[in-house]
């Protein structure tokens, strides 16, 4: 009987190829959705979203700043739990139809605006308001880390006053608490 010396290496190669092809590709986890007040861990960053405010304008009188649609302000904090300084990526809003709204890069008229270009040193935290110009509706705030891992925070459409909007951004009152203008 004649032997085929090349059969064994060919079979071994085919078995290796079969094993490599049969492994499913790494599937990334879908982004988790959180509620306002929950801690969002996107290592090395930890985020928290505290509240949201709708505003028809920022400031008043001749200095009033008007939006194209409505201003939405979201009060957040971001903490760096890593060992090196990190950049805090800009945030976006996503509505139920899949439309996205980018963060506004100009915070004029916003008390305690967190800024547009943000970096945090290790063991440090930044907090303040993030500004959007968008239609009045339900959104999810998309948060990311430097590696692109994302999470969402529900921003339900609800109103804290009968008009549905505030005319100016709440200013810090006595004791550092936010107070609404009357």
C-alpha atoms as a PDB file:
ATOM      1  CA  UNK A   1       0.000   0.000   0.000  1.00  0.00           C
ATOM      2  CA  UNK A   2       1.252   3.368  -0.896  1.00  0.00           C
ATOM      3  CA  UNK A   3       1.561   6.054   1.816  1.00  0.00           C
ATOM      4  CA  UNK A   4       0.817   9.749   1.351  1.00  0.00           C
ATOM      5  CA  UNK A   5       3.264  11.665   3.559  1.00  0.00           C
ATOM      6  CA  UNK A   6       1.571  15.012   2.889  1.00  0.00           C
ATOM      7  CA  UNK A   7      -1.852  13.902   4.228  1.00  0.00           C
ATOM      8  CA  UNK A   8      -1.008  14.351   7.891  1.00  0.00           C
ATOM      9  CA  UNK A   9       0.213  17.960   7.588  1.00  0.00           C
ATOM     10  CA  UNK A  10      -2.749  18.836   5.359  1.00  0.00           C
ATOM     11  CA  UNK A  11      -5.207  17.346   7.862  1.00  0.00           C
ATOM     12  CA  UNK A  12      -3.514  19.170  10.738  1.00  0.00           C
ATOM     13  CA  UNK A  13      -3.682  22.462   8.822  1.00  0.00           C
ATOM     14  CA  UNK A  14      -7.359  21.925   8.001  1.00  0.00           C
ATOM     15  CA  UNK A  15      -8.133  21.145  11.660  1.00  0.00           C
ATOM     16  CA  UNK A  16      -6.371  24.350  12.756  1.00  0.00           C
ATOM     17  CA  UNK A  17      -8.228  26.368  10.136  1.00  0.00           C
ATOM     18  CA  UNK A  18     -11.528  24.829  11.209  1.00  0.00           C
ATOM     19  CA  UNK A  19     -10.857  25.699  14.865  1.00  0.00           C
ATOM     20  CA  UNK A  20      -9.915  29.255  13.973  1.00  0.00           C
ATOM     21  CA  UNK A  21     -13.000  29.723  11.807  1.00  0.00           C
ATOM     22  CA  UNK A  22     -15.409  28.121  14.236  1.00  0.00           C
ATOM     23  CA  UNK A  23     -14.668  30.635  16.975  1.00  0.00           C
ATOM     24  CA  UNK A  24     -17.207  33.418  17.000  1.00  0.00           C
ATOM     25  CA  UNK A  25     -15.743  36.880  16.754  1.00  0.00           C
ATOM     26  CA  UNK A  26     -15.616  38.924  19.938  1.00  0.00           C
ATOM     27  CA  UNK A  27     -19.029  40.525  20.310  1.00  0.00           C
ATOM     28  CA  UNK A  28     -19.026  43.748  22.230  1.00  0.00           C
ATOM     29  CA  UNK A  29     -21.613  44.137  24.935  1.00  0.00           C
ATOM     30  CA  UNK A  30     -24.449  46.509  24.136  1.00  0.00           C
ATOM     31  CA  UNK A  31     -24.198  49.843  25.921  1.00  0.00           C
ATOM     32  CA  UNK A  32     -26.057  49.802  29.231  1.00  0.00           C
ATOM     33  CA  UNK A  33     -28.708  52.403  30.044  1.00  0.00           C
ATOM     34  CA  UNK A  34     -28.787  54.068  33.475  1.00  0.00           C
ATOM     35  CA  UNK A  35     -31.214  56.368  35.273  1.00  0.00           C
ATOM     36  CA  UNK A  36     -30.461  59.859  36.578  1.00  0.00           C
ATOM     37  CA  UNK A  37     -28.619  59.494  39.890  1.00  0.00           C
ATOM     38  CA  UNK A  38     -27.006  56.122  39.133  1.00  0.00           C
ATOM     39  CA  UNK A  39     -23.220  55.799  38.950  1.00  0.00           C
ATOM     40  CA  UNK A  40     -21.952  55.026  35.447  1.00  0.00           C
ATOM     41  CA  UNK A  41     -18.634  53.156  35.366  1.00  0.00           C
ATOM     42  CA  UNK A  42     -16.708  53.572  32.111  1.00  0.00           C
ATOM     43  CA  UNK A  43     -13.226  52.856  33.424  1.00  0.00           C
ATOM     44  CA  UNK A  44     -11.186  54.810  34.162  1.00  0.00           C
ATOM     45  CA  UNK A  45     -14.042  57.364  34.328  1.00  0.00           C
ATOM     46  CA  UNK A  46     -17.023  57.284  36.661  1.00  0.00           C
ATOM     47  CA  UNK A  47     -19.913  59.533  35.698  1.00  0.00           C
ATOM     48  CA  UNK A  48     -23.009  60.648  37.560  1.00  0.00           C
ATOM     49  CA  UNK A  49     -25.900  62.629  36.095  1.00  0.00           C
ATOM     50  CA  UNK A  50     -27.726  64.631  38.753  1.00  0.00           C
ATOM     51  CA  UNK A  51     -30.428  66.613  36.979  1.00  0.00           C
ATOM     52  CA  UNK A  52     -31.559  68.302  33.800  1.00  0.00           C
ATOM     53  CA  UNK A  53     -33.093  71.709  33.113  1.00  0.00           C
ATOM     54  CA  UNK A  54     -34.801  73.073  30.005  1.00  0.00           C
ATOM     55  CA  UNK A  55     -34.258  76.758  29.260  1.00  0.00           C
ATOM     56  CA  UNK A  56     -35.906  79.013  26.685  1.00  0.00           C
ATOM     57  CA  UNK A  57     -32.933  81.371  27.058  1.00  0.00           C
ATOM     58  CA  UNK A  58     -29.791  81.913  29.088  1.00  0.00           C
ATOM     59  CA  UNK A  59     -29.592  85.190  30.959  1.00  0.00           C
ATOM     60  CA  UNK A  60     -32.084  87.998  30.629  1.00  0.00           C
ATOM     61  CA  UNK A  61     -32.611  91.397  29.050  1.00  0.00           C
ATOM     62  CA  UNK A  62     -30.163  92.567  26.412  1.00  0.00           C
ATOM     63  CA  UNK A  63     -27.657  89.893  27.471  1.00  0.00           C
ATOM     64  CA  UNK A  64     -30.075  87.004  26.880  1.00  0.00           C
ATOM     65  CA  UNK A  65     -28.749  84.164  24.782  1.00  0.00           C
ATOM     66  CA  UNK A  66     -31.366  82.418  22.649  1.00  0.00           C
ATOM     67  CA  UNK A  67     -31.163  78.825  21.351  1.00  0.00           C
ATOM     68  CA  UNK A  68     -32.070  77.617  17.871  1.00  0.00           C
ATOM     69  CA  UNK A  69     -34.671  75.336  19.507  1.00  0.00           C
ATOM     70  CA  UNK A  70     -34.346  74.900  23.313  1.00  0.00           C
ATOM     71  CA  UNK A  71     -31.429  74.730  25.690  1.00  0.00           C
ATOM     72  CA  UNK A  72     -31.092  71.533  27.681  1.00  0.00           C
ATOM     73  CA  UNK A  73     -28.663  71.671  30.583  1.00  0.00           C
ATOM     74  CA  UNK A  74     -27.483  68.472  32.226  1.00  0.00           C
ATOM     75  CA  UNK A  75     -25.606  68.589  35.537  1.00  0.00           C
ATOM     76  CA  UNK A  76     -22.954  65.872  35.706  1.00  0.00           C
ATOM     77  CA  UNK A  77     -19.795  64.836  37.473  1.00  0.00           C
ATOM     78  CA  UNK A  78     -16.907  62.827  36.076  1.00  0.00           C
ATOM     79  CA  UNK A  79     -14.233  61.231  38.265  1.00  0.00           C
ATOM     80  CA  UNK A  80     -10.920  59.779  37.122  1.00  0.00           C
ATOM     81  CA  UNK A  81     -10.162  56.488  38.878  1.00  0.00           C
ATOM     82  CA  UNK A  82      -7.165  55.770  36.657  1.00  0.00           C
ATOM     83  CA  UNK A  83      -3.449  56.285  37.187  1.00  0.00           C
ATOM     84  CA  UNK A  84      -2.944  58.952  34.544  1.00  0.00           C
ATOM     85  CA  UNK A  85      -4.657  62.096  33.342  1.00  0.00           C
ATOM     86  CA  UNK A  86      -7.599  61.380  31.016  1.00  0.00           C
ATOM     87  CA  UNK A  87      -9.639  63.362  28.538  1.00  0.00           C
ATOM     88  CA  UNK A  88     -13.405  63.445  29.126  1.00  0.00           C
ATOM     89  CA  UNK A  89     -15.018  62.959  25.699  1.00  0.00           C
ATOM     90  CA  UNK A  90     -17.794  65.259  24.566  1.00  0.00           C
ATOM     91  CA  UNK A  91     -21.309  64.000  25.122  1.00  0.00           C
ATOM     92  CA  UNK A  92     -24.223  63.596  22.759  1.00  0.00           C
ATOM     93  CA  UNK A  93     -27.966  63.281  23.094  1.00  0.00           C
ATOM     94  CA  UNK A  94     -29.885  60.621  21.197  1.00  0.00           C
ATOM     95  CA  UNK A  95     -33.647  60.781  20.742  1.00  0.00           C
ATOM     96  CA  UNK A  96     -36.038  57.867  20.234  1.00  0.00           C
ATOM     97  CA  UNK A  97     -35.836  58.250  16.434  1.00  0.00           C
ATOM     98  CA  UNK A  98     -32.030  57.874  16.457  1.00  0.00           C
ATOM     99  CA  UNK A  99     -31.216  61.563  15.901  1.00  0.00           C
ATOM    100  CA  UNK A 100     -28.108  62.865  17.667  1.00  0.00           C
ATOM    101  CA  UNK A 101     -27.391  66.291  19.115  1.00  0.00           C
ATOM    102  CA  UNK A 102     -23.848  67.332  19.952  1.00  0.00           C
ATOM    103  CA  UNK A 103     -22.838  69.212  23.042  1.00  0.00           C
ATOM    104  CA  UNK A 104     -22.690  72.997  22.568  1.00  0.00           C
ATOM    105  CA  UNK A 105     -19.112  74.251  22.653  1.00  0.00           C
ATOM    106  CA  UNK A 106     -19.951  77.740  23.974  1.00  0.00           C
ATOM    107  CA  UNK A 107     -21.084  77.907  27.598  1.00  0.00           C
ATOM    108  CA  UNK A 108     -21.636  81.680  27.791  1.00  0.00           C
ATOM    109  CA  UNK A 109     -24.431  82.384  30.251  1.00  0.00           C
ATOM    110  CA  UNK A 110     -24.185  79.035  32.035  1.00  0.00           C
ATOM    111  CA  UNK A 111     -23.186  79.248  35.681  1.00  0.00           C
ATOM    112  CA  UNK A 112     -20.769  76.416  36.545  1.00  0.00           C
ATOM    113  CA  UNK A 113     -20.368  75.266  32.933  1.00  0.00           C
ATOM    114  CA  UNK A 114     -18.087  72.216  32.884  1.00  0.00           C
ATOM    115  CA  UNK A 115     -16.331  73.323  29.707  1.00  0.00           C
ATOM    116  CA  UNK A 116     -16.002  71.754  26.296  1.00  0.00           C
ATOM    117  CA  UNK A 117     -12.415  70.470  26.368  1.00  0.00           C
ATOM    118  CA  UNK A 118     -11.976  68.612  29.651  1.00  0.00           C
ATOM    119  CA  UNK A 119      -9.199  66.604  31.227  1.00  0.00           C
ATOM    120  CA  UNK A 120      -9.051  65.141  34.716  1.00  0.00           C
ATOM    121  CA  UNK A 121      -5.990  64.234  36.743  1.00  0.00           C
ATOM    122  CA  UNK A 122      -5.903  60.917  38.628  1.00  0.00           C
ATOM    123  CA  UNK A 123      -8.205  60.801  41.683  1.00  0.00           C
ATOM    124  CA  UNK A 124      -9.789  64.099  40.668  1.00  0.00           C
ATOM    125  CA  UNK A 125     -13.404  65.000  39.827  1.00  0.00           C
ATOM    126  CA  UNK A 126     -15.026  67.693  37.726  1.00  0.00           C
ATOM    127  CA  UNK A 127     -18.666  68.653  37.922  1.00  0.00           C
ATOM    128  CA  UNK A 128     -20.969  71.196  36.390  1.00  0.00           C
ATOM    129  CA  UNK A 129     -23.429  71.764  33.566  1.00  0.00           C
ATOM    130  CA  UNK A 130     -23.230  70.413  30.015  1.00  0.00           C
ATOM    131  CA  UNK A 131     -25.185  72.388  27.399  1.00  0.00           C
ATOM    132  CA  UNK A 132     -27.232  71.188  24.407  1.00  0.00           C
ATOM    133  CA  UNK A 133     -29.454  72.971  21.886  1.00  0.00           C
ATOM    134  CA  UNK A 134     -32.194  70.539  20.878  1.00  0.00           C
ATOM    135  CA  UNK A 135     -35.961  70.096  20.487  1.00  0.00           C
ATOM    136  CA  UNK A 136     -38.052  69.514  23.584  1.00  0.00           C
ATOM    137  CA  UNK A 137     -38.371  65.691  23.872  1.00  0.00           C
ATOM    138  CA  UNK A 138     -37.118  62.511  25.566  1.00  0.00           C
ATOM    139  CA  UNK A 139     -33.394  61.775  25.208  1.00  0.00           C
ATOM    140  CA  UNK A 140     -30.635  59.468  26.282  1.00  0.00           C
ATOM    141  CA  UNK A 141     -27.326  61.091  27.173  1.00  0.00           C
ATOM    142  CA  UNK A 142     -24.444  59.166  25.609  1.00  0.00           C
ATOM    143  CA  UNK A 143     -21.342  59.012  27.792  1.00  0.00           C
ATOM    144  CA  UNK A 144     -18.050  57.481  26.651  1.00  0.00           C
ATOM    145  CA  UNK A 145     -14.519  56.889  27.823  1.00  0.00           C
ATOM    146  CA  UNK A 146     -11.320  57.447  25.799  1.00  0.00           C
ATOM    147  CA  UNK A 147     -11.514  53.883  24.440  1.00  0.00           C
ATOM    148  CA  UNK A 148     -14.976  54.498  22.975  1.00  0.00           C
ATOM    149  CA  UNK A 149     -16.885  52.316  25.431  1.00  0.00           C
ATOM    150  CA  UNK A 150     -20.327  53.893  25.842  1.00  0.00           C
ATOM    151  CA  UNK A 151     -23.245  54.005  28.246  1.00  0.00           C
ATOM    152  CA  UNK A 152     -26.511  55.936  28.228  1.00  0.00           C
ATOM    153  CA  UNK A 153     -28.444  57.847  30.862  1.00  0.00           C
ATOM    154  CA  UNK A 154     -32.210  58.267  30.438  1.00  0.00           C
ATOM    155  CA  UNK A 155     -33.335  61.896  30.359  1.00  0.00           C
ATOM    156  CA  UNK A 156     -37.122  61.570  30.403  1.00  0.00           C
ATOM    157  CA  UNK A 157     -39.226  64.456  29.190  1.00  0.00           C
ATOM    158  CA  UNK A 158     -40.720  65.921  32.337  1.00  0.00           C
ATOM    159  CA  UNK A 159     -41.326  69.420  33.565  1.00  0.00           C
ATOM    160  CA  UNK A 160     -40.630  70.918  36.962  1.00  0.00           C
ATOM    161  CA  UNK A 161     -42.866  73.935  36.440  1.00  0.00           C
ATOM    162  CA  UNK A 162     -46.249  74.650  34.811  1.00  0.00           C
ATOM    163  CA  UNK A 163     -44.717  76.417  31.774  1.00  0.00           C
ATOM    164  CA  UNK A 164     -42.513  73.429  30.975  1.00  0.00           C
ATOM    165  CA  UNK A 165     -39.310  75.480  30.760  1.00  0.00           C
ATOM    166  CA  UNK A 166     -37.284  77.838  32.886  1.00  0.00           C
ATOM    167  CA  UNK A 167     -36.389  81.260  31.500  1.00  0.00           C
ATOM    168  CA  UNK A 168     -32.859  81.323  32.852  1.00  0.00           C
ATOM    169  CA  UNK A 169     -30.454  78.789  34.239  1.00  0.00           C
ATOM    170  CA  UNK A 170     -30.828  78.350  37.988  1.00  0.00           C
ATOM    171  CA  UNK A 171     -28.168  80.256  39.887  1.00  0.00           C
ATOM    172  CA  UNK A 172     -26.451  79.021  43.001  1.00  0.00           C
ATOM    173  CA  UNK A 173     -28.306  80.266  46.050  1.00  0.00           C
ATOM    174  CA  UNK A 174     -27.242  80.422  49.692  1.00  0.00           C
ATOM    175  CA  UNK A 175     -25.193  77.429  50.801  1.00  0.00           C
ATOM    176  CA  UNK A 176     -24.322  76.478  47.213  1.00  0.00           C
ATOM    177  CA  UNK A 177     -27.812  75.079  46.506  1.00  0.00           C
ATOM    178  CA  UNK A 178     -29.439  75.750  43.176  1.00  0.00           C
ATOM    179  CA  UNK A 179     -32.455  78.016  43.277  1.00  0.00           C
ATOM    180  CA  UNK A 180     -34.935  78.806  40.540  1.00  0.00           C
ATOM    181  CA  UNK A 181     -35.585  82.429  39.631  1.00  0.00           C
ATOM    182  CA  UNK A 182     -39.046  83.627  40.648  1.00  0.00           C
END
